[in-house]
Amino acid sequence: MRKLKIGRIYRLEFPGIAARVIEPPAGHSSAKFPFLVESLFIRSRWYVNELGEPDNVHSPKLVVPDGDSEPPRPVSNYPVSN
């Protein structure tokens, strides 16, 4: 089963662009879209469900790997802090 993990970086549908799943502010997530995603490249944040589908048609979908496969590596020149 696919499941997003907070702190991980996932590819977007757009080639070469990635976004990080971050902790949503307290009281702001919904049951249908519990994950908050941010992309520094497109300077945007949006909510997604566990399959990476956004809460609106104007936000890009995340590419979530199946099962135990490793998530994609960070895109070059994308600032990452651990």
C-alpha atoms as a PDB file:
ATOM      1  CA  MET A   1       0.000   0.000   0.000  1.00  0.00           C
ATOM      2  CA  ARG A   2       1.183   3.496  -0.755  1.00  0.00           C
ATOM      3  CA  LYS A   3       1.613   5.822   2.186  1.00  0.00           C
ATOM      4  CA  LEU A   4       3.205   9.252   2.374  1.00  0.00           C
ATOM      5  CA  LYS A   5       5.698   9.957   5.128  1.00  0.00           C
ATOM      6  CA  ILE A   6       6.275  13.352   6.696  1.00  0.00           C
ATOM      7  CA  GLY A   7       9.736  14.704   5.957  1.00  0.00           C
ATOM      8  CA  ARG A   8      10.235  12.721   2.737  1.00  0.00           C
ATOM      9  CA  ILE A   9      10.684  14.262  -0.690  1.00  0.00           C
ATOM     10  CA  TYR A  10       8.548  13.034  -3.583  1.00  0.00           C
ATOM     11  CA  ARG A  11       8.550  13.803  -7.280  1.00  0.00           C
ATOM     12  CA  LEU A  12       5.713  15.826  -8.766  1.00  0.00           C
ATOM     13  CA  GLU A  13       3.986  15.120 -12.069  1.00  0.00           C
ATOM     14  CA  PHE A  14       6.103  17.922 -13.536  1.00  0.00           C
ATOM     15  CA  PRO A  15       9.478  16.562 -14.675  1.00  0.00           C
ATOM     16  CA  GLY A  16      12.420  17.572 -12.506  1.00  0.00           C
ATOM     17  CA  ILE A  17      10.379  19.140  -9.679  1.00  0.00           C
ATOM     18  CA  ALA A  18      10.027  17.731  -6.165  1.00  0.00           C
ATOM     19  CA  ALA A  19       8.102  18.590  -3.011  1.00  0.00           C
ATOM     20  CA  ARG A  20       8.454  17.740   0.652  1.00  0.00           C
ATOM     21  CA  VAL A  21       5.649  16.422   2.865  1.00  0.00           C
ATOM     22  CA  ILE A  22       5.526  18.573   6.001  1.00  0.00           C
ATOM     23  CA  GLU A  23       3.548  18.539   9.247  1.00  0.00           C
ATOM     24  CA  PRO A  24       0.288  20.480   8.806  1.00  0.00           C
ATOM     25  CA  PRO A  25      -0.532  23.207  11.332  1.00  0.00           C
ATOM     26  CA  ALA A  26      -2.545  21.970  14.309  1.00  0.00           C
ATOM     27  CA  GLY A  27      -6.233  21.774  13.459  1.00  0.00           C
ATOM     28  CA  HIS A  28      -5.833  22.522   9.763  1.00  0.00           C
ATOM     29  CA  SER A  29      -5.744  19.075   8.145  1.00  0.00           C
ATOM     30  CA  SER A  30      -8.850  17.245   7.004  1.00  0.00           C
ATOM     31  CA  ALA A  31      -9.656  13.543   7.077  1.00  0.00           C
ATOM     32  CA  LYS A  32      -9.650  13.333   3.264  1.00  0.00           C
ATOM     33  CA  PHE A  33      -6.422  15.350   2.760  1.00  0.00           C
ATOM     34  CA  PRO A  34      -4.261  14.918   5.884  1.00  0.00           C
ATOM     35  CA  PHE A  35      -0.825  15.748   4.391  1.00  0.00           C
ATOM     36  CA  LEU A  36       0.597  19.191   3.652  1.00  0.00           C
ATOM     37  CA  VAL A  37       3.106  19.433   0.798  1.00  0.00           C
ATOM     38  CA  GLU A  38       5.477  22.283   0.009  1.00  0.00           C
ATOM     39  CA  SER A  39       7.597  22.951  -3.034  1.00  0.00           C
ATOM     40  CA  LEU A  40      10.218  25.667  -2.839  1.00  0.00           C
ATOM     41  CA  PHE A  41      10.637  25.721  -6.596  1.00  0.00           C
ATOM     42  CA  ILE A  42       7.025  26.610  -7.373  1.00  0.00           C
ATOM     43  CA  ARG A  43       6.657  28.439  -4.021  1.00  0.00           C
ATOM     44  CA  SER A  44       3.446  26.783  -3.047  1.00  0.00           C
ATOM     45  CA  ARG A  45       1.813  24.585  -0.396  1.00  0.00           C
ATOM     46  CA  TRP A  46      -1.188  22.312  -0.807  1.00  0.00           C
ATOM     47  CA  TYR A  47      -2.920  19.399   0.878  1.00  0.00           C
ATOM     48  CA  VAL A  48      -2.864  15.864  -0.540  1.00  0.00           C
ATOM     49  CA  ASN A  49      -4.307  12.481   0.429  1.00  0.00           C
ATOM     50  CA  GLU A  50      -2.232   9.335   1.124  1.00  0.00           C
ATOM     51  CA  LEU A  51      -2.061   8.593  -2.624  1.00  0.00           C
ATOM     52  CA  GLY A  52      -0.555  12.011  -3.408  1.00  0.00           C
ATOM     53  CA  GLU A  53      -3.732  13.386  -4.988  1.00  0.00           C
ATOM     54  CA  PRO A  54      -4.216  17.122  -4.326  1.00  0.00           C
ATOM     55  CA  ASP A  55      -7.289  18.725  -2.789  1.00  0.00           C
ATOM     56  CA  ASN A  56      -7.838  20.966  -5.845  1.00  0.00           C
ATOM     57  CA  VAL A  57      -7.390  20.765  -9.609  1.00  0.00           C
ATOM     58  CA  HIS A  58      -4.750  23.514  -9.749  1.00  0.00           C
ATOM     59  CA  SER A  59      -2.162  21.699  -7.602  1.00  0.00           C
ATOM     60  CA  PRO A  60       0.167  19.008  -8.971  1.00  0.00           C
ATOM     61  CA  LYS A  61      -0.069  15.353  -7.950  1.00  0.00           C
ATOM     62  CA  LEU A  62       2.789  13.622  -6.107  1.00  0.00           C
ATOM     63  CA  VAL A  63       4.368  10.498  -7.588  1.00  0.00           C
ATOM     64  CA  VAL A  64       4.225   8.040  -4.675  1.00  0.00           C
ATOM     65  CA  PRO A  65       6.257   4.808  -5.016  1.00  0.00           C
ATOM     66  CA  ASP A  66       4.539   1.476  -4.346  1.00  0.00           C
ATOM     67  CA  GLY A  67       5.179  -0.554  -1.183  1.00  0.00           C
ATOM     68  CA  ASP A  68       8.722  -0.875   0.093  1.00  0.00           C
ATOM     69  CA  SER A  69      10.450   0.855  -2.802  1.00  0.00           C
ATOM     70  CA  GLU A  70      12.727   3.718  -1.887  1.00  0.00           C
ATOM     71  CA  PRO A  71      11.427   7.251  -2.607  1.00  0.00           C
ATOM     72  CA  PRO A  72      13.242   9.177  -5.346  1.00  0.00           C
ATOM     73  CA  ARG A  73      16.385  11.075  -4.519  1.00  0.00           C
ATOM     74  CA  PRO A  74      16.203  14.869  -4.110  1.00  0.00           C
ATOM     75  CA  VAL A  75      16.335  16.854  -7.307  1.00  0.00           C
ATOM     76  CA  SER A  76      19.692  18.587  -7.808  1.00  0.00           C
ATOM     77  CA  ASN A  77      19.796  22.207  -6.631  1.00  0.00           C
ATOM     78  CA  TYR A  78      16.755  21.579  -4.404  1.00  0.00           C
ATOM     79  CA  PRO A  79      17.576  22.755  -0.859  1.00  0.00           C
ATOM     80  CA  VAL A  80      17.304  19.868   1.593  1.00  0.00           C
ATOM     81  CA  SER A  81      17.886  20.036   5.331  1.00  0.00           C
ATOM     82  CA  ASN A  82      17.676  17.030   7.617  1.00  0.00           C
END
